């Protein structure tokens, strides 16, 4: 991912939230997501990046960015562990089911294994059945950890998935 990709990645992330999390998080929150604000946040994060967090994009055959993924060290509170964490994978809703998510996950797994991480962990909304099936098809499994995620005062449970690298 480059600075030039930030606007498109923000659009993918915002549209991804609005599509995937409809009915799971408050609609007022989803309606309030702003692509320009998210793009600015992406630019700021990328500008101060130290290489610990890896941002990847997936492009279609025409070179259009259609997906974004982000990974780095697993966060156990403020402590970084030896495991890897998939922080996010989003594919633009118009491009779901075309392989971009699989490509991003495969590249993440490859890079995390090459970096010597033992496991890949990620958090997914408990009610996000589509995403859970995606991760399960890739060999990741829920490991029993559950954590609340608060959105506008509403507690939305997340489950942790894990898999060996």
Protein backbone atom coordinates (compact mmCIF):
# COMPACT_ATOMS: atom_id res chain seq x y z
CA UNK A 1 0.00 0.00 0.00
CA UNK A 2 1.21 3.48 -0.84
CA UNK A 3 0.04 6.93 0.17
CA UNK A 4 -1.69 7.14 -3.22
CA UNK A 5 -3.83 4.13 -2.23
CA UNK A 6 -5.16 5.68 0.99
CA UNK A 7 -8.32 7.22 -0.48
CA UNK A 8 -9.34 3.97 -2.19
CA UNK A 9 -8.45 1.88 0.87
CA UNK A 10 -10.58 4.20 3.02
CA UNK A 11 -13.48 3.76 0.60
CA UNK A 12 -13.06 -0.03 0.73
CA UNK A 13 -12.90 -0.02 4.52
CA UNK A 14 -15.93 2.24 5.00
CA UNK A 15 -18.05 0.46 2.37
CA UNK A 16 -16.89 -2.86 3.83
CA UNK A 17 -18.08 -1.87 7.32
CA UNK A 18 -21.37 -0.55 5.97
CA UNK A 19 -21.98 -3.75 4.01
CA UNK A 20 -20.64 -6.43 6.36
CA UNK A 21 -21.77 -5.05 9.71
CA UNK A 22 -25.31 -3.95 8.83
CA UNK A 23 -27.56 -5.22 11.59
CA UNK A 24 -24.59 -6.06 13.83
CA UNK A 25 -23.53 -2.58 14.92
CA UNK A 26 -25.69 0.54 15.29
CA UNK A 27 -26.78 1.87 11.90
CA UNK A 28 -26.12 5.43 13.08
CA UNK A 29 -22.44 4.52 13.49
CA UNK A 30 -22.27 2.97 10.02
CA UNK A 31 -24.04 5.97 8.48
CA UNK A 32 -21.54 8.30 10.16
CA UNK A 33 -18.44 6.65 8.72
CA UNK A 34 -16.62 9.15 6.51
CA UNK A 35 -14.29 8.13 3.68
CA UNK A 36 -12.32 11.42 3.76
CA UNK A 37 -11.69 11.14 7.52
CA UNK A 38 -10.66 7.51 7.18
CA UNK A 39 -8.33 8.36 4.28
CA UNK A 40 -6.65 11.03 6.38
CA UNK A 41 -6.22 8.52 9.22
CA UNK A 42 -4.72 5.99 6.77
CA UNK A 43 -2.28 8.61 5.43
CA UNK A 44 -1.20 9.57 8.96
CA UNK A 45 -0.69 5.93 9.98
CA UNK A 46 1.25 5.14 6.82
CA UNK A 47 3.43 8.26 7.15
CA UNK A 48 4.59 7.30 10.62
CA UNK A 49 4.81 3.55 9.96
CA UNK A 50 7.95 1.81 11.18
CA UNK A 51 7.47 -1.42 9.22
CA UNK A 52 5.92 -3.30 12.14
CA UNK A 53 2.45 -3.13 10.59
CA UNK A 54 2.15 -4.33 7.00
CA UNK A 55 -0.55 -2.90 4.72
CA UNK A 56 -1.36 -4.84 1.56
CA UNK A 57 -3.69 -4.09 -1.33
CA UNK A 58 -5.29 -6.42 -3.86
CA UNK A 59 -5.85 -5.19 -7.39
CA UNK A 60 -8.14 -6.50 -10.10
CA UNK A 61 -6.91 -7.33 -13.61
CA UNK A 62 -7.24 -3.66 -14.59
CA UNK A 63 -5.08 -2.43 -11.71
CA UNK A 64 -7.93 -1.06 -9.57
CA UNK A 65 -7.45 -1.56 -5.82
CA UNK A 66 -10.34 -3.78 -4.71
CA UNK A 67 -9.14 -5.00 -1.31
CA UNK A 68 -6.95 -4.12 1.65
CA UNK A 69 -5.39 -6.14 4.43
CA UNK A 70 -3.27 -5.23 7.41
CA UNK A 71 -1.23 -7.38 9.78
CA UNK A 72 1.48 -7.16 12.41
CA UNK A 73 2.42 -8.48 15.83
CA UNK A 74 -0.38 -9.85 18.00
CA UNK A 75 -1.48 -7.32 20.60
CA UNK A 76 -2.03 -8.71 24.09
CA UNK A 77 -3.08 -5.44 25.68
CA UNK A 78 -0.04 -3.18 25.29
CA UNK A 79 2.34 -6.12 24.85
CA UNK A 80 3.34 -7.43 21.42
CA UNK A 81 3.74 -11.20 21.36
CA UNK A 82 5.60 -13.55 19.03
CA UNK A 83 2.37 -14.38 17.22
CA UNK A 84 1.03 -12.47 14.22
CA UNK A 85 -2.34 -10.73 14.09
CA UNK A 86 -4.47 -10.08 11.05
CA UNK A 87 -5.84 -6.66 11.96
CA UNK A 88 -8.13 -6.31 8.95
CA UNK A 89 -9.16 -7.63 5.57
CA UNK A 90 -11.75 -5.73 3.59
CA UNK A 91 -12.85 -6.21 0.01
CA UNK A 92 -15.05 -3.66 -1.73
CA UNK A 93 -18.62 -5.07 -1.71
CA UNK A 94 -18.72 -4.97 -5.53
CA UNK A 95 -15.77 -7.38 -5.65
CA UNK A 96 -16.71 -9.93 -2.99
CA UNK A 97 -16.29 -13.58 -3.96
CA UNK A 98 -13.72 -12.87 -6.69
CA UNK A 99 -10.60 -13.99 -4.81
CA UNK A 100 -9.20 -10.70 -3.49
CA UNK A 101 -9.78 -11.67 0.14
CA UNK A 102 -8.19 -15.08 -0.40
CA UNK A 103 -5.17 -13.45 -2.06
CA UNK A 104 -4.76 -11.00 0.82
CA UNK A 105 -5.04 -13.76 3.41
CA UNK A 106 -2.58 -16.00 1.53
CA UNK A 107 -0.05 -13.19 1.29
CA UNK A 108 -0.50 -12.39 4.97
CA UNK A 109 0.05 -16.03 5.94
CA UNK A 110 3.13 -16.24 3.71
CA UNK A 111 4.70 -13.07 5.10
CA UNK A 112 3.91 -13.93 8.73
CA UNK A 113 5.36 -17.43 8.35
CA UNK A 114 8.48 -16.02 6.68
CA UNK A 115 8.87 -13.59 9.59
CA UNK A 116 8.96 -16.55 11.98
CA UNK A 117 5.61 -16.12 13.70
CA UNK A 118 4.16 -19.35 15.08
CA UNK A 119 0.47 -18.52 14.82
CA UNK A 120 -1.89 -16.14 13.10
CA UNK A 121 -4.66 -14.70 15.28
CA UNK A 122 -7.55 -12.42 14.40
CA UNK A 123 -10.76 -11.08 15.88
CA UNK A 124 -14.08 -11.23 14.04
CA UNK A 125 -17.57 -10.15 15.04
CA UNK A 126 -19.39 -13.16 16.44
CA UNK A 127 -22.42 -12.51 14.21
CA UNK A 128 -20.35 -12.04 11.04
CA UNK A 129 -21.14 -15.48 9.63
CA UNK A 130 -19.75 -14.72 6.15
CA UNK A 131 -16.34 -13.71 7.52
CA UNK A 132 -16.26 -16.61 9.95
CA UNK A 133 -16.89 -19.08 7.10
CA UNK A 134 -14.14 -17.38 5.07
CA UNK A 135 -11.59 -17.85 7.86
CA UNK A 136 -12.73 -21.39 8.60
CA UNK A 137 -12.34 -22.37 4.93
CA UNK A 138 -8.76 -21.06 5.22
CA UNK A 139 -8.09 -23.39 8.17
CA UNK A 140 -8.44 -20.90 11.02
CA UNK A 141 -10.58 -21.88 14.00
CA UNK A 142 -12.15 -20.11 16.98
CA UNK A 143 -9.93 -20.70 20.00
CA UNK A 144 -12.51 -19.93 22.69
CA UNK A 145 -11.50 -16.34 23.41
CA UNK A 146 -14.36 -13.83 23.30
CA UNK A 147 -14.11 -10.08 23.84
CA UNK A 148 -16.65 -7.28 23.77
CA UNK A 149 -16.27 -4.54 21.17
CA UNK A 150 -18.17 -1.35 22.01
CA UNK A 151 -19.84 0.69 19.28
CA UNK A 152 -21.88 3.71 20.40
CA UNK A 153 -22.57 2.09 23.77
CA UNK A 154 -23.62 -1.24 22.25
CA UNK A 155 -21.51 -4.26 23.16
CA UNK A 156 -20.76 -6.34 20.07
CA UNK A 157 -19.01 -9.63 20.85
CA UNK A 158 -15.92 -10.66 18.90
CA UNK A 159 -14.44 -14.13 18.77
CA UNK A 160 -10.78 -14.87 18.26
CA UNK A 161 -9.63 -17.19 15.50
CA UNK A 162 -6.21 -18.83 15.40
CA UNK A 163 -4.18 -21.01 13.11
CA UNK A 164 -0.62 -22.26 12.87
CA UNK A 165 1.78 -20.72 10.37
